[in-house]
Protein backbone atom coordinates (compact mmCIF):
# COMPACT_ATOMS: atom_id res chain seq x y z
CA MET A 1 0.15 -0.11 -0.02
CA SER A 2 1.37 3.24 -0.90
CA LYS A 3 2.23 6.03 1.60
CA LYS A 4 -0.46 8.45 -0.04
CA THR A 5 -3.09 5.73 0.43
CA LEU A 6 -2.21 5.16 4.08
CA ILE A 7 -2.52 8.81 4.72
CA ILE A 8 -5.86 8.99 3.10
CA VAL A 9 -7.14 5.90 5.08
CA GLY A 10 -5.74 7.42 8.36
CA ALA A 11 -7.60 10.52 7.68
CA ILE A 12 -10.80 8.88 6.86
CA VAL A 13 -10.55 6.80 10.10
CA ALA A 14 -9.66 9.89 12.20
CA VAL A 15 -12.76 11.77 11.00
CA ILE A 16 -14.86 8.65 11.62
CA VAL A 17 -13.61 8.39 15.18
CA ILE A 18 -13.91 11.96 15.84
CA TYR A 19 -17.38 11.87 14.54
CA ALA A 20 -18.51 8.92 16.82
CA LEU A 21 -16.91 10.48 19.90
CA ASN A 22 -18.63 13.75 19.42
CA THR A 23 -22.13 12.10 18.67
CA ASN A 24 -22.35 10.66 22.20
CA LYS A 25 -21.66 14.02 23.90
CA GLN A 26 -24.94 15.89 24.18
CA ALA A 27 -25.92 19.18 26.01
CA SER A 28 -27.47 18.87 29.35
CA GLY A 29 -31.29 18.30 28.72
CA ALA A 30 -30.72 18.34 24.84
CA ALA A 31 -32.69 15.17 24.05
CA ALA A 32 -35.43 16.32 26.35
CA THR A 33 -36.16 19.43 24.28
CA GLY A 34 -37.17 17.50 21.17
CA CYS A 35 -34.74 19.73 19.06
CA LYS A 36 -32.79 17.60 16.49
CA VAL A 37 -30.74 19.18 13.56
CA THR A 38 -29.18 17.98 10.45
CA VAL A 39 -25.81 19.35 9.20
CA ILE A 40 -26.13 21.03 5.64
CA ALA A 41 -22.56 21.96 5.12
CA ASP A 42 -20.18 19.57 3.86
CA VAL A 43 -18.24 19.72 7.12
CA LEU A 44 -19.31 21.66 10.13
CA ASN A 45 -16.84 22.56 12.97
CA ALA A 46 -18.13 22.28 16.67
CA ARG A 47 -16.60 25.14 18.99
CA GLU A 48 -16.16 25.27 22.60
CA SER A 49 -18.26 28.42 22.76
CA ALA A 50 -20.65 30.50 20.75
CA ASP A 51 -17.74 32.43 19.21
CA GLY A 52 -16.58 31.95 15.55
CA ASN A 53 -12.97 32.28 16.72
CA ALA A 54 -13.27 29.65 19.66
CA LYS A 55 -11.24 26.45 19.55
CA VAL A 56 -12.54 23.69 17.40
CA VAL A 57 -13.49 20.72 19.57
CA GLY A 58 -15.13 18.38 16.92
CA LYS A 59 -16.54 18.21 13.49
CA TYR A 60 -19.74 16.96 11.93
CA LEU A 61 -20.17 15.69 8.31
CA ARG A 62 -23.09 16.61 5.93
CA ASP A 63 -26.43 14.87 6.88
CA ALA A 64 -25.27 14.00 10.40
CA GLN A 65 -28.34 14.48 12.66
CA PHE A 66 -28.01 15.13 16.43
CA ASP A 67 -29.92 16.53 19.48
CA ALA A 68 -29.44 20.39 20.14
CA LEU A 69 -30.89 23.01 22.49
CA PRO A 70 -33.70 25.17 21.00
CA GLY A 71 -32.62 28.79 20.66
CA ILE A 72 -29.46 30.46 19.08
CA GLN A 73 -26.76 32.56 20.70
CA ASN A 74 -24.54 34.82 18.43
CA GLY A 75 -25.47 32.59 15.38
CA PHE A 76 -24.59 29.41 17.33
CA ARG A 77 -26.60 26.51 18.49
CA LYS A 78 -25.56 24.38 21.75
CA VAL A 79 -25.40 20.78 20.92
CA ALA A 80 -23.36 19.68 24.15
CA ASP A 81 -21.50 21.17 27.17
CA ASP A 82 -18.81 23.23 25.64
CA LYS A 83 -19.94 22.38 22.28
CA TRP A 84 -21.49 24.90 19.75
CA VAL A 85 -22.09 24.82 15.92
CA ALA A 86 -23.05 27.64 13.56
CA ALA A 87 -26.91 27.61 13.33
CA ALA A 88 -26.59 28.71 9.59
CA PHE A 89 -25.22 25.39 8.58
CA THR A 90 -27.94 23.33 10.54
CA GLU A 91 -31.44 22.74 9.73
CA PRO A 92 -34.23 21.56 12.06
CA VAL A 93 -35.34 18.01 11.34
CA ALA A 94 -38.91 17.86 10.43
CA GLY A 95 -41.13 17.80 13.38
CA SER A 96 -38.48 18.61 15.87
CA ALA A 97 -38.98 21.40 18.43
CA CYS A 98 -36.25 23.84 17.52
């Protein structure tokens, strides 16, 4: 296997692992609110606060769905403790209470 192929496979595995780890962390009470969103960007960064310059703490891929808290702060939606995503790149799932 070539070095380039190994790097690509490694990157794909890393994205999958990060995604799996991040989908298990929900905001306190997020599931109870009934708000569920879908990612409409190719890749959506999750940040540690509702600030576009805050540290990136995870990533979501297009069409990922996850629980969130209703309401938007500074253009960001809270999806877990210390985890926020840009609301403009998410869309509420039909029938959810966002």
